[in-house]
Amino acid sequence: MPDLVVLGALYLLAAGHQGLYLRHQRRFPVSPDRPRYPVSAMTRIFRYLMVLLFVAVLVEAALALLVFEAGPVPPGRFAAGYGLSVVALGLLAWSLAALGPNFAACHEGRLPETVVRHGPYRFVRHPIYYANLLLLLGFNIVLLDWVIWAILGVLVVFYVQAIADEDRALRAPGERS
């Protein structure tokens, strides 16, 4: 496939990803009255790092395809990576819909109104994190790029810490069911 077509398709996925979050945040703004829980320094840092990582993936995709000539991307590899990323966006949309007003970014440390146990939360505890990682994995299947593998590894480390923070807060006295 032509490199610009591949890059455009990846950027379309990234725009869809951001669009899902922005739409949800407009529909369900986080109430400042929701109780807070303590988050680790690493999770607080993630607030700033996630923007940098997102931009780095977009820049690296362009560099890999247009400067370092990682292409042409075979159609089968493109279909597999793009397909996985589309599934990831579907999982993200389903997860956000199931959360409704209970969503808050991990670095905000806001307790949910109720612990959600329907939708994808019936099967896994943190489907939004999995969706974000699957999206990036799909990008990397398309690009086979070591920088994106490194970014994926960094995200895993931050998500593991955020999960630990959230699980600790939900085990604390006063957990809502």
Protein backbone atom coordinates (compact mmCIF):
# COMPACT_ATOMS: atom_id res chain seq x y z
CA MET A 1 0.00 0.00 0.00
CA PRO A 2 1.20 3.54 -0.64
CA ASP A 3 2.84 5.06 2.42
CA LEU A 4 0.62 8.13 2.48
CA VAL A 5 -2.51 5.94 2.42
CA VAL A 6 -1.19 3.89 5.36
CA LEU A 7 -0.25 7.02 7.28
CA GLY A 8 -3.64 8.61 6.59
CA ALA A 9 -5.42 5.45 7.77
CA LEU A 10 -3.40 5.40 11.01
CA TYR A 11 -4.07 9.09 11.60
CA LEU A 12 -7.78 8.44 11.04
CA LEU A 13 -7.67 5.81 13.80
CA ALA A 14 -5.88 8.25 16.11
CA ALA A 15 -8.49 10.92 15.39
CA GLY A 16 -11.26 8.42 16.12
CA HIS A 17 -9.57 7.50 19.40
CA GLN A 18 -9.38 11.12 20.53
CA GLY A 19 -12.88 11.79 19.26
CA LEU A 20 -14.33 9.03 21.44
CA TYR A 21 -12.73 10.50 24.55
CA LEU A 22 -13.68 14.09 23.74
CA ARG A 23 -17.29 13.15 22.97
CA HIS A 24 -17.57 11.23 26.22
CA GLN A 25 -16.04 14.04 28.26
CA ARG A 26 -18.47 16.56 26.76
CA ARG A 27 -21.42 14.27 27.43
CA PHE A 28 -20.33 13.28 30.96
CA PRO A 29 -18.12 15.96 32.54
CA VAL A 30 -16.42 14.76 35.71
CA SER A 31 -18.07 16.30 38.72
CA PRO A 32 -15.63 18.08 41.03
CA ASP A 33 -17.76 16.76 43.90
CA ARG A 34 -16.74 13.15 43.25
CA PRO A 35 -14.47 11.94 46.04
CA ARG A 36 -10.77 11.67 45.30
CA TYR A 37 -8.37 8.87 46.08
CA PRO A 38 -4.59 9.17 46.33
CA VAL A 39 -2.70 8.39 43.14
CA SER A 40 0.98 7.59 42.92
CA ALA A 41 3.50 10.07 41.58
CA MET A 42 3.90 7.87 38.51
CA THR A 43 0.19 8.07 37.74
CA ARG A 44 0.22 11.86 38.24
CA ILE A 45 3.15 12.12 35.81
CA PHE A 46 1.17 10.09 33.29
CA ARG A 47 -1.20 13.07 32.84
CA TYR A 48 1.58 14.94 31.03
CA LEU A 49 3.42 12.00 29.57
CA MET A 50 0.38 10.54 27.78
CA VAL A 51 0.12 13.60 25.49
CA LEU A 52 3.81 13.34 24.68
CA LEU A 53 3.50 9.61 23.96
CA PHE A 54 0.46 10.13 21.73
CA VAL A 55 2.25 12.79 19.69
CA ALA A 56 5.40 10.64 19.57
CA VAL A 57 3.44 7.75 18.03
CA LEU A 58 2.01 10.03 15.34
CA VAL A 59 5.41 11.57 14.56
CA GLU A 60 7.14 8.18 14.58
CA ALA A 61 4.54 6.74 12.20
CA ALA A 62 5.27 9.55 9.73
CA LEU A 63 9.03 9.18 10.18
CA ALA A 64 8.92 5.40 9.79
CA LEU A 65 6.87 5.53 6.61
CA LEU A 66 8.09 8.70 4.90
CA VAL A 67 11.67 9.21 6.08
CA PHE A 68 13.01 5.80 7.04
CA GLU A 69 10.92 4.04 4.39
CA ALA A 70 9.48 1.22 6.49
CA GLY A 71 6.98 0.65 3.66
CA PRO A 72 5.58 -0.58 1.49
CA VAL A 73 3.36 -2.22 4.05
CA PRO A 74 2.07 -5.60 2.83
CA PRO A 75 -1.74 -5.61 2.52
CA GLY A 76 -2.13 -8.58 4.88
CA ARG A 77 -0.09 -6.92 7.63
CA PHE A 78 -1.98 -3.66 7.11
CA ALA A 79 -5.34 -5.46 7.33
CA ALA A 80 -4.31 -7.31 10.51
CA GLY A 81 -2.98 -4.20 12.28
CA TYR A 82 -5.75 -1.91 11.12
CA GLY A 83 -8.39 -4.51 11.98
CA LEU A 84 -7.00 -4.92 15.50
CA SER A 85 -7.02 -1.14 15.92
CA VAL A 86 -10.64 -0.92 14.78
CA VAL A 87 -11.55 -3.63 17.31
CA ALA A 88 -9.68 -1.60 19.95
CA LEU A 89 -11.75 1.49 19.11
CA GLY A 90 -14.89 -0.61 19.39
CA LEU A 91 -13.81 -1.85 22.81
CA LEU A 92 -13.02 1.72 23.87
CA ALA A 93 -16.44 2.97 22.73
CA TRP A 94 -18.19 0.06 24.49
CA SER A 95 -16.20 0.66 27.68
CA LEU A 96 -16.94 4.39 27.75
CA ALA A 97 -20.63 3.73 27.10
CA ALA A 98 -20.73 1.22 29.97
CA LEU A 99 -19.02 3.67 32.31
CA GLY A 100 -21.24 6.63 31.48
CA PRO A 101 -20.72 9.27 34.17
CA ASN A 102 -18.38 7.00 36.15
CA PHE A 103 -15.44 7.72 33.83
CA ALA A 104 -12.51 9.78 35.06
CA ALA A 105 -8.97 9.80 33.76
CA CYS A 106 -6.67 7.64 35.88
CA HIS A 107 -4.48 10.57 36.89
CA GLU A 108 -7.49 12.47 38.32
CA GLY A 109 -8.01 9.92 41.10
CA ARG A 110 -11.78 10.27 41.22
CA LEU A 111 -13.88 7.47 42.71
CA PRO A 112 -16.76 6.26 40.54
CA GLU A 113 -20.37 6.80 41.57
CA THR A 114 -20.79 3.01 41.32
CA VAL A 115 -18.48 0.17 40.39
CA VAL A 116 -19.50 -0.82 36.87
CA ARG A 117 -19.90 -4.53 36.27
CA HIS A 118 -21.73 -4.60 32.93
CA GLY A 119 -20.63 -4.25 29.32
CA PRO A 120 -16.97 -5.19 28.90
CA TYR A 121 -16.52 -4.83 32.66
CA ARG A 122 -18.23 -8.21 33.01
CA PHE A 123 -15.12 -9.76 31.47
CA VAL A 124 -12.17 -7.55 32.45
CA ARG A 125 -11.65 -4.91 35.11
CA HIS A 126 -9.85 -2.27 32.99
CA PRO A 127 -11.03 -2.57 29.36
CA ILE A 128 -10.14 1.03 28.48
CA TYR A 129 -6.48 0.35 29.22
CA TYR A 130 -6.62 -2.82 27.13
CA ALA A 131 -8.30 -0.91 24.29
CA ASN A 132 -5.56 1.74 24.30
CA LEU A 133 -2.84 -0.90 24.30
CA LEU A 134 -4.54 -2.89 21.53
CA LEU A 135 -4.81 0.25 19.41
CA LEU A 136 -1.10 0.84 19.72
CA LEU A 137 -0.35 -2.83 19.09
CA GLY A 138 -2.37 -2.55 15.87
CA PHE A 139 -0.28 0.44 14.84
CA ASN A 140 2.86 -1.55 15.50
CA ILE A 141 1.66 -4.54 13.50
CA VAL A 142 1.32 -2.16 10.57
CA LEU A 143 4.65 -0.38 11.11
CA LEU A 144 6.90 -2.93 12.89
CA ASP A 145 8.69 -0.06 14.58
CA TRP A 146 10.94 -0.39 17.64
CA VAL A 147 10.12 3.13 18.89
CA ILE A 148 6.43 2.29 19.03
CA TRP A 149 7.29 -0.99 20.83
CA ALA A 150 9.15 1.11 23.40
CA ILE A 151 6.17 3.47 23.79
CA LEU A 152 3.90 0.45 24.21
CA GLY A 153 6.20 -0.80 26.98
CA VAL A 154 6.12 2.58 28.74
CA LEU A 155 2.30 2.59 28.56
CA VAL A 156 2.15 -0.87 30.09
CA VAL A 157 4.26 0.29 33.04
CA PHE A 158 2.05 3.34 33.62
CA TYR A 159 -1.18 1.36 33.27
CA VAL A 160 0.03 -1.27 35.76
CA GLN A 161 0.65 1.53 38.27
CA ALA A 162 -2.72 3.18 37.55
CA ILE A 163 -4.46 -0.19 38.00
CA ALA A 164 -2.70 -0.64 41.36
CA ASP A 165 -3.83 2.84 42.45
CA GLU A 166 -7.44 2.22 41.37
CA ASP A 167 -7.64 -1.24 42.91
CA ARG A 168 -6.21 0.05 46.20
CA ALA A 169 -8.83 2.84 46.25
CA LEU A 170 -11.69 0.45 45.50
CA ARG A 171 -10.58 -1.97 48.27
CA ALA A 172 -10.55 0.87 50.79
CA PRO A 173 -13.40 1.22 53.26
CA GLY A 174 -16.44 2.82 51.67
CA GLU A 175 -16.19 1.08 48.30
CA ARG A 176 -19.38 1.62 46.37
CA SER A 177 -21.17 -1.34 44.83
